[in-house]
PDB file of N, CA and C in Angstrom:
ATOM      1  N   MET A   1      83.088 110.707  82.962  1.00  0.00           N
ATOM      2  CA  MET A   1      82.748 109.739  84.181  1.00  0.00           C
ATOM      3  C   MET A   1      81.167 110.392  84.265  1.00  0.00           C
ATOM      4  N   PRO A   2      80.465 109.380  84.640  1.00  0.00           N
ATOM      5  CA  PRO A   2      79.070 109.829  84.909  1.00  0.00           C
ATOM      6  C   PRO A   2      79.070 110.290  86.513  1.00  0.00           C
ATOM      7  N   VAL A   3      77.909 111.326  86.586  1.00  0.00           N
ATOM      8  CA  VAL A   3      77.920 111.933  87.730  1.00  0.00           C
ATOM      9  C   VAL A   3      76.469 111.650  88.341  1.00  0.00           C
ATOM     10  N   ALA A   4      76.443 111.076  89.730  1.00  0.00           N
ATOM     11  CA  ALA A   4      75.376 110.579  90.074  1.00  0.00           C
ATOM     12  C   ALA A   4      74.594 111.805  90.619  1.00  0.00           C
ATOM     13  N   LEU A   5      73.139 111.652  90.568  1.00  0.00           N
ATOM     14  CA  LEU A   5      72.140 112.839  90.524  1.00  0.00           C
ATOM     15  C   LEU A   5      71.805 112.533  91.976  1.00  0.00           C
ATOM     16  N   ASN A   6      71.678 111.523  92.492  1.00  0.00           N
ATOM     17  CA  ASN A   6      71.261 111.559  93.950  1.00  0.00           C
ATOM     18  C   ASN A   6      72.546 110.527  94.326  1.00  0.00           C
ATOM     19  N   PRO A   7      73.133 111.223  95.692  1.00  0.00           N
ATOM     20  CA  PRO A   7      74.329 110.627  96.358  1.00  0.00           C
ATOM     21  C   PRO A   7      73.790 109.145  96.719  1.00  0.00           C
ATOM     22  N   HIS A   8      72.938 108.927  97.154  1.00  0.00           N
ATOM     23  CA  HIS A   8      72.432 107.665  97.688  1.00  0.00           C
ATOM     24  C   HIS A   8      72.280 106.477  96.693  1.00  0.00           C
ATOM     25  N   HIS A   9      72.058 106.862  95.316  1.00  0.00           N
ATOM     26  CA  HIS A   9      72.171 106.156  94.420  1.00  0.00           C
ATOM     27  C   HIS A   9      73.080 106.208  93.197  1.00  0.00           C
ATOM     28  N   PRO A  10      74.469 106.017  93.377  1.00  0.00           N
ATOM     29  CA  PRO A  10      75.415 106.420  92.553  1.00  0.00           C
ATOM     30  C   PRO A  10      75.356 105.618  91.278  1.00  0.00           C
ATOM     31  N   VAL A  11      75.914 106.365  90.233  1.00  0.00           N
ATOM     32  CA  VAL A  11      75.655 105.731  88.853  1.00  0.00           C
ATOM     33  C   VAL A  11      76.756 104.775  88.811  1.00  0.00           C
ATOM     34  N   ARG A  12      76.632 103.659  88.142  1.00  0.00           N
ATOM     35  CA  ARG A  12      77.463 102.701  88.000  1.00  0.00           C
ATOM     36  C   ARG A  12      77.798 102.381  86.445  1.00  0.00           C
ATOM     37  N   SER A  13      79.146 102.283  86.281  1.00  0.00           N
ATOM     38  CA  SER A  13      79.440 102.029  84.843  1.00  0.00           C
ATOM     39  C   SER A  13      78.940 100.718  84.492  1.00  0.00           C
ATOM     40  N   PRO A  14      78.753 100.435  83.047  1.00  0.00           N
ATOM     41  CA  PRO A  14      78.418  99.006  82.807  1.00  0.00           C
ATOM     42  C   PRO A  14      79.280  97.948  83.162  1.00  0.00           C
ATOM     43  N   ALA A  15      80.504  98.184  83.162  1.00  0.00           N
ATOM     44  CA  ALA A  15      81.624  97.132  83.775  1.00  0.00           C
ATOM     45  C   ALA A  15      81.705  96.925  85.077  1.00  0.00           C
ATOM     46  N   ALA A  16      81.137  97.869  85.923  1.00  0.00           N
ATOM     47  CA  ALA A  16      80.720  97.702  87.255  1.00  0.00           C
ATOM     48  C   ALA A  16      79.572  96.499  87.441  1.00  0.00           C
ATOM     49  N   GLU A  17      78.560  96.767  86.704  1.00  0.00           N
ATOM     50  CA  GLU A  17      77.220  96.106  86.823  1.00  0.00           C
ATOM     51  C   GLU A  17      77.406  94.904  86.501  1.00  0.00           C
ATOM     52  N   THR A  18      78.434  94.073  85.838  1.00  0.00           N
ATOM     53  CA  THR A  18      78.907  92.920  85.342  1.00  0.00           C
ATOM     54  C   THR A  18      80.162  92.233  86.464  1.00  0.00           C
ATOM     55  N   SER A  19      80.447  92.808  87.157  1.00  0.00           N
ATOM     56  CA  SER A  19      81.494  92.547  88.240  1.00  0.00           C
ATOM     57  C   SER A  19      80.802  91.454  89.155  1.00  0.00           C
ATOM     58  N   SER A  20      81.611  90.693  89.633  1.00  0.00           N
ATOM     59  CA  SER A  20      81.235  89.789  90.785  1.00  0.00           C
ATOM     60  C   SER A  20      80.974  90.292  92.164  1.00  0.00           C
ATOM     61  N   SER A  21      80.320  89.591  93.011  1.00  0.00           N
ATOM     62  CA  SER A  21      80.066  90.181  94.530  1.00  0.00           C
ATOM     63  C   SER A  21      81.036  89.270  95.340  1.00  0.00           C
ATOM     64  N   TYR A  22      81.557  89.562  96.435  1.00  0.00           N
ATOM     65  CA  TYR A  22      82.373  88.858  97.074  1.00  0.00           C
ATOM     66  C   TYR A  22      82.026  88.704  98.579  1.00  0.00           C
ATOM     67  N   LEU A  23      82.550  87.986  99.354  1.00  0.00           N
ATOM     68  CA  LEU A  23      82.034  87.519 100.695  1.00  0.00           C
ATOM     69  C   LEU A  23      83.315  87.483 101.373  1.00  0.00           C
ATOM     70  N   VAL A  24      83.491  88.257 102.459  1.00  0.00           N
ATOM     71  CA  VAL A  24      84.784  88.198 103.191  1.00  0.00           C
ATOM     72  C   VAL A  24      84.709  87.720 104.640  1.00  0.00           C
ATOM     73  N   GLY A  25      85.694  86.894 105.361  1.00  0.00           N
ATOM     74  CA  GLY A  25      85.293  86.329 106.373  1.00  0.00           C
ATOM     75  C   GLY A  25      86.552  85.510 106.854  1.00  0.00           C
ATOM     76  N   GLN A  26      86.393  84.590 107.855  1.00  0.00           N
ATOM     77  CA  GLN A  26      87.603  83.684 108.239  1.00  0.00           C
ATOM     78  C   GLN A  26      87.074  82.220 108.123  1.00  0.00           C
ATOM     79  N   ASP A  27      88.055  81.264 107.748  1.00  0.00           N
ATOM     80  CA  ASP A  27      87.624  79.688 107.342  1.00  0.00           C
ATOM     81  C   ASP A  27      87.738  79.395 108.978  1.00  0.00           C
ATOM     82  N   GLY A  28      87.695  78.076 108.885  1.00  0.00           N
ATOM     83  CA  GLY A  28      87.501  77.374 110.145  1.00  0.00           C
ATOM     84  C   GLY A  28      88.863  77.267 111.038  1.00  0.00           C
ATOM     85  N   GLU A  29      90.162  77.623 110.165  1.00  0.00           N
ATOM     86  CA  GLU A  29      91.344  77.670 110.825  1.00  0.00           C
ATOM     87  C   GLU A  29      91.564  79.238 111.372  1.00  0.00           C
ATOM     88  N   GLY A  30      90.753  80.183 110.893  1.00  0.00           N
ATOM     89  CA  GLY A  30      91.084  81.611 111.516  1.00  0.00           C
ATOM     90  C   GLY A  30      91.440  82.213 110.152  1.00  0.00           C
ATOM     91  N   HIS A  31      91.987  81.711 108.973  1.00  0.00           N
ATOM     92  CA  HIS A  31      92.659  82.540 107.972  1.00  0.00           C
ATOM     93  C   HIS A  31      91.412  83.583 107.329  1.00  0.00           C
ATOM     94  N   TRP A  32      92.031  84.763 107.112  1.00  0.00           N
ATOM     95  CA  TRP A  32      90.877  85.642 105.975  1.00  0.00           C
ATOM     96  C   TRP A  32      90.846  85.191 104.943  1.00  0.00           C
ATOM     97  N   VAL A  33      89.627  85.047 104.584  1.00  0.00           N
ATOM     98  CA  VAL A  33      89.125  84.817 103.011  1.00  0.00           C
ATOM     99  C   VAL A  33      88.387  85.657 102.747  1.00  0.00           C
ATOM    100  N   ALA A  34      88.533  85.702 101.110  1.00  0.00           N
ATOM    101  CA  ALA A  34      87.492  86.761 100.348  1.00  0.00           C
ATOM    102  C   ALA A  34      87.285  85.592  99.112  1.00  0.00           C
ATOM    103  N   VAL A  35      85.690  85.545  99.131  1.00  0.00           N
ATOM    104  CA  VAL A  35      85.565  84.507  97.964  1.00  0.00           C
ATOM    105  C   VAL A  35      84.329  85.166  96.964  1.00  0.00           C
ATOM    106  N   GLU A  36      84.590  84.923  95.811  1.00  0.00           N
ATOM    107  CA  GLU A  36      83.316  85.289  94.822  1.00  0.00           C
ATOM    108  C   GLU A  36      82.047  84.443  95.085  1.00  0.00           C
ATOM    109  N   THR A  37      80.991  85.071  95.254  1.00  0.00           N
ATOM    110  CA  THR A  37      79.801  84.197  95.269  1.00  0.00           C
ATOM    111  C   THR A  37      79.395  83.175  94.629  1.00  0.00           C
ATOM    112  N   GLY A  38      80.068  83.301  93.569  1.00  0.00           N
ATOM    113  CA  GLY A  38      79.747  82.232  92.481  1.00  0.00           C
ATOM    114  C   GLY A  38      80.955  81.296  92.522  1.00  0.00           C
ATOM    115  N   GLY A  39      81.794  81.129  93.366  1.00  0.00           N
ATOM    116  CA  GLY A  39      82.952  80.470  93.796  1.00  0.00           C
ATOM    117  C   GLY A  39      83.879  80.055  92.706  1.00  0.00           C
ATOM    118  N   ARG A  40      83.846  81.109  91.572  1.00  0.00           N
ATOM    119  CA  ARG A  40      84.922  81.205  90.665  1.00  0.00           C
ATOM    120  C   ARG A  40      86.318  81.890  90.933  1.00  0.00           C
ATOM    121  N   ALA A  41      86.316  82.660  92.379  1.00  0.00           N
ATOM    122  CA  ALA A  41      87.380  83.310  92.357  1.00  0.00           C
ATOM    123  C   ALA A  41      87.552  83.599  94.041  1.00  0.00           C
ATOM    124  N   GLY A  42      88.895  83.966  94.536  1.00  0.00           N
ATOM    125  CA  GLY A  42      89.047  84.511  95.898  1.00  0.00           C
ATOM    126  C   GLY A  42      90.367  83.788  96.265  1.00  0.00           C
ATOM    127  N   GLY A  43      90.394  84.204  97.731  1.00  0.00           N
ATOM    128  CA  GLY A  43      91.974  83.569  98.216  1.00  0.00           C
ATOM    129  C   GLY A  43      91.919  83.852  99.449  1.00  0.00           C
ATOM    130  N   LEU A  44      93.127  83.393 100.143  1.00  0.00           N
ATOM    131  CA  LEU A  44      93.542  83.912 101.414  1.00  0.00           C
ATOM    132  C   LEU A  44      94.244  84.744 101.794  1.00  0.00           C
ATOM    133  N   PHE A  45      94.426  85.527 102.985  1.00  0.00           N
ATOM    134  CA  PHE A  45      95.008  86.706 103.224  1.00  0.00           C
ATOM    135  C   PHE A  45      95.410  86.739 104.588  1.00  0.00           C
ATOM    136  N   ARG A  46      96.648  87.413 104.711  1.00  0.00           N
ATOM    137  CA  ARG A  46      97.172  87.829 106.346  1.00  0.00           C
ATOM    138  C   ARG A  46      96.577  88.436 107.072  1.00  0.00           C
ATOM    139  N   THR A  47      95.462  89.301 106.821  1.00  0.00           N
ATOM    140  CA  THR A  47      94.868  90.084 107.324  1.00  0.00           C
ATOM    141  C   THR A  47      93.402  90.523 106.699  1.00  0.00           C
ATOM    142  N   ARG A  48      92.476  90.832 107.788  1.00  0.00           N
ATOM    143  CA  ARG A  48      90.865  91.420 107.313  1.00  0.00           C
ATOM    144  C   ARG A  48      91.012  92.427 106.251  1.00  0.00           C
ATOM    145  N   GLN A  49      91.953  93.478 106.823  1.00  0.00           N
ATOM    146  CA  GLN A  49      92.345  94.511 105.706  1.00  0.00           C
ATOM    147  C   GLN A  49      92.583  94.211 104.353  1.00  0.00           C
ATOM    148  N   ASP A  50      93.581  93.298 104.299  1.00  0.00           N
ATOM    149  CA  ASP A  50      93.953  92.868 102.996  1.00  0.00           C
ATOM    150  C   ASP A  50      92.775  92.124 102.121  1.00  0.00           C
ATOM    151  N   ALA A  51      91.974  91.038 102.901  1.00  0.00           N
ATOM    152  CA  ALA A  51      90.446  90.219 102.171  1.00  0.00           C
ATOM    153  C   ALA A  51      89.688  91.691 101.619  1.00  0.00           C
ATOM    154  N   ILE A  52      89.744  92.602 102.606  1.00  0.00           N
ATOM    155  CA  ILE A  52      88.405  93.645 102.118  1.00  0.00           C
ATOM    156  C   ILE A  52      89.244  94.354 101.299  1.00  0.00           C
ATOM    157  N   ARG A  53      90.179  94.479 101.083  1.00  0.00           N
ATOM    158  CA  ARG A  53      90.893  95.375  99.808  1.00  0.00           C
ATOM    159  C   ARG A  53      91.327  94.720  98.546  1.00  0.00           C
ATOM    160  N   TYR A  54      91.037  93.383  98.473  1.00  0.00           N
ATOM    161  CA  TYR A  54      91.188  92.358  97.379  1.00  0.00           C
ATOM    162  C   TYR A  54      89.656  92.533  97.025  1.00  0.00           C
ATOM    163  N   ALA A  55      88.949  92.236  97.543  1.00  0.00           N
ATOM    164  CA  ALA A  55      87.125  92.363  97.207  1.00  0.00           C
ATOM    165  C   ALA A  55      86.933  93.605  96.609  1.00  0.00           C
ATOM    166  N   CYS A  56      87.065  94.620  97.429  1.00  0.00           N
ATOM    167  CA  CYS A  56      86.854  96.204  96.991  1.00  0.00           C
ATOM    168  C   CYS A  56      87.491  96.143  95.570  1.00  0.00           C
ATOM    169  N   VAL A  57      88.468  95.889  95.311  1.00  0.00           N
ATOM    170  CA  VAL A  57      89.127  95.890  93.933  1.00  0.00           C
ATOM    171  C   VAL A  57      88.623  95.210  92.954  1.00  0.00           C
ATOM    172  N   GLU A  58      88.186  94.230  93.297  1.00  0.00           N
ATOM    173  CA  GLU A  58      87.376  93.121  92.394  1.00  0.00           C
ATOM    174  C   GLU A  58      85.899  93.505  91.953  1.00  0.00           C
ATOM    175  N   THR A  59      85.201  94.017  92.874  1.00  0.00           N
ATOM    176  CA  THR A  59      83.990  94.538  92.802  1.00  0.00           C
ATOM    177  C   THR A  59      83.783  95.967  92.047  1.00  0.00           C
ATOM    178  N   GLY A  60      85.082  96.669  91.894  1.00  0.00           N
ATOM    179  CA  GLY A  60      85.062  98.081  91.480  1.00  0.00           C
ATOM    180  C   GLY A  60      84.610  99.005  92.741  1.00  0.00           C
ATOM    181  N   CYS A  61      85.124  98.431  93.819  1.00  0.00           N
ATOM    182  CA  CYS A  61      85.013  99.144  95.216  1.00  0.00           C
ATOM    183  C   CYS A  61      83.683  99.641  95.556  1.00  0.00           C
ATOM    184  N   ARG A  62      82.691  98.432  95.127  1.00  0.00           N
ATOM    185  CA  ARG A  62      81.053  98.806  95.750  1.00  0.00           C
ATOM    186  C   ARG A  62      80.961  98.339  97.146  1.00  0.00           C
ATOM    187  N   PRO A  63      80.931  99.230  97.968  1.00  0.00           N
ATOM    188  CA  PRO A  63      80.729  98.729  99.488  1.00  0.00           C
ATOM    189  C   PRO A  63      79.744  97.614  99.437  1.00  0.00           C
ATOM    190  N   ASP A  64      78.710  97.764  99.081  1.00  0.00           N
ATOM    191  CA  ASP A  64      77.617  96.743  98.796  1.00  0.00           C
ATOM    192  C   ASP A  64      77.700  95.305  98.453  1.00  0.00           C
ATOM    193  N   ASP A  65      78.769  95.154  97.738  1.00  0.00           N
ATOM    194  CA  ASP A  65      79.168  94.031  97.284  1.00  0.00           C
ATOM    195  C   ASP A  65      80.290  93.028  98.228  1.00  0.00           C
ATOM    196  N   VAL A  66      80.603  93.496  99.543  1.00  0.00           N
ATOM    197  CA  VAL A  66      81.598  93.306 100.187  1.00  0.00           C
ATOM    198  C   VAL A  66      81.192  93.090 101.484  1.00  0.00           C
ATOM    199  N   PRO A  67      80.156  92.242 101.762  1.00  0.00           N
ATOM    200  CA  PRO A  67      80.032  92.071 102.978  1.00  0.00           C
ATOM    201  C   PRO A  67      80.646  90.966 104.094  1.00  0.00           C
ATOM    202  N   MET A  68      80.711  90.896 105.177  1.00  0.00           N
ATOM    203  CA  MET A  68      81.407  90.247 105.998  1.00  0.00           C
ATOM    204  C   MET A  68      80.427  88.798 106.516  1.00  0.00           C
ATOM    205  N   ALA A  69      81.009  87.831 106.254  1.00  0.00           N
ATOM    206  CA  ALA A  69      80.233  86.497 106.710  1.00  0.00           C
ATOM    207  C   ALA A  69      79.976  86.664 108.165  1.00  0.00           C
ATOM    208  N   ALA A  70      78.937  85.903 108.362  1.00  0.00           N
ATOM    209  CA  ALA A  70      78.257  85.828 109.849  1.00  0.00           C
ATOM    210  C   ALA A  70      79.154  84.630 110.320  1.00  0.00           C
ATOM    211  N   GLY A  71      79.532  83.608 109.597  1.00  0.00           N
ATOM    212  CA  GLY A  71      80.253  82.417 110.151  1.00  0.00           C
ATOM    213  C   GLY A  71      81.320  81.983 109.509  1.00  0.00           C
ATOM    214  N   PRO A  72      82.031  81.006 109.590  1.00  0.00           N
ATOM    215  CA  PRO A  72      83.031  80.677 109.335  1.00  0.00           C
ATOM    216  C   PRO A  72      82.787  80.252 107.430  1.00  0.00           C
ATOM    217  N   ILE A  73      83.706  80.694 106.398  1.00  0.00           N
ATOM    218  CA  ILE A  73      83.702  80.204 105.243  1.00  0.00           C
ATOM    219  C   ILE A  73      84.460  78.935 104.817  1.00  0.00           C
ATOM    220  N   ARG A  74      84.025  78.281 103.988  1.00  0.00           N
ATOM    221  CA  ARG A  74      84.512  77.135 103.344  1.00  0.00           C
ATOM    222  C   ARG A  74      85.417  77.544 102.180  1.00  0.00           C
ATOM    223  N   PHE A  75      86.621  77.393 101.957  1.00  0.00           N
ATOM    224  CA  PHE A  75      87.208  77.991 100.791  1.00  0.00           C
ATOM    225  C   PHE A  75      87.959  76.797 100.231  1.00  0.00           C
ATOM    226  N   LYS A  76      87.807  76.351  99.136  1.00  0.00           N
ATOM    227  CA  LYS A  76      88.505  75.109  98.728  1.00  0.00           C
ATOM    228  C   LYS A  76      89.531  75.465  97.418  1.00  0.00           C
ATOM    229  N   LEU A  77      91.025  75.190  97.812  1.00  0.00           N
ATOM    230  CA  LEU A  77      91.974  75.575  96.682  1.00  0.00           C
ATOM    231  C   LEU A  77      91.825  74.464  95.896  1.00  0.00           C
ATOM    232  N   SER A  78      91.760  74.448  94.814  1.00  0.00           N
ATOM    233  CA  SER A  78      91.995  73.611  93.506  1.00  0.00           C
ATOM    234  C   SER A  78      93.148  73.701  92.493  1.00  0.00           C
TER     235      SER A  78
END
């Protein structure tokens, strides 16, 4: 496991570098949503905590990659 020399800039594994970023927020109907920024993945969740947990797991738990949306998120199920 890599060790970070600077705690403000942790070392990331190559797998973490290739993972996606997610955005968490609510859709127009108030459902909690986590959406991959490229639109390739995501889901609807019961709670804000569930949406954040999913996004965290999908991004390798990188806090910078799980921002909260400023407004409603449009989420289309296909």
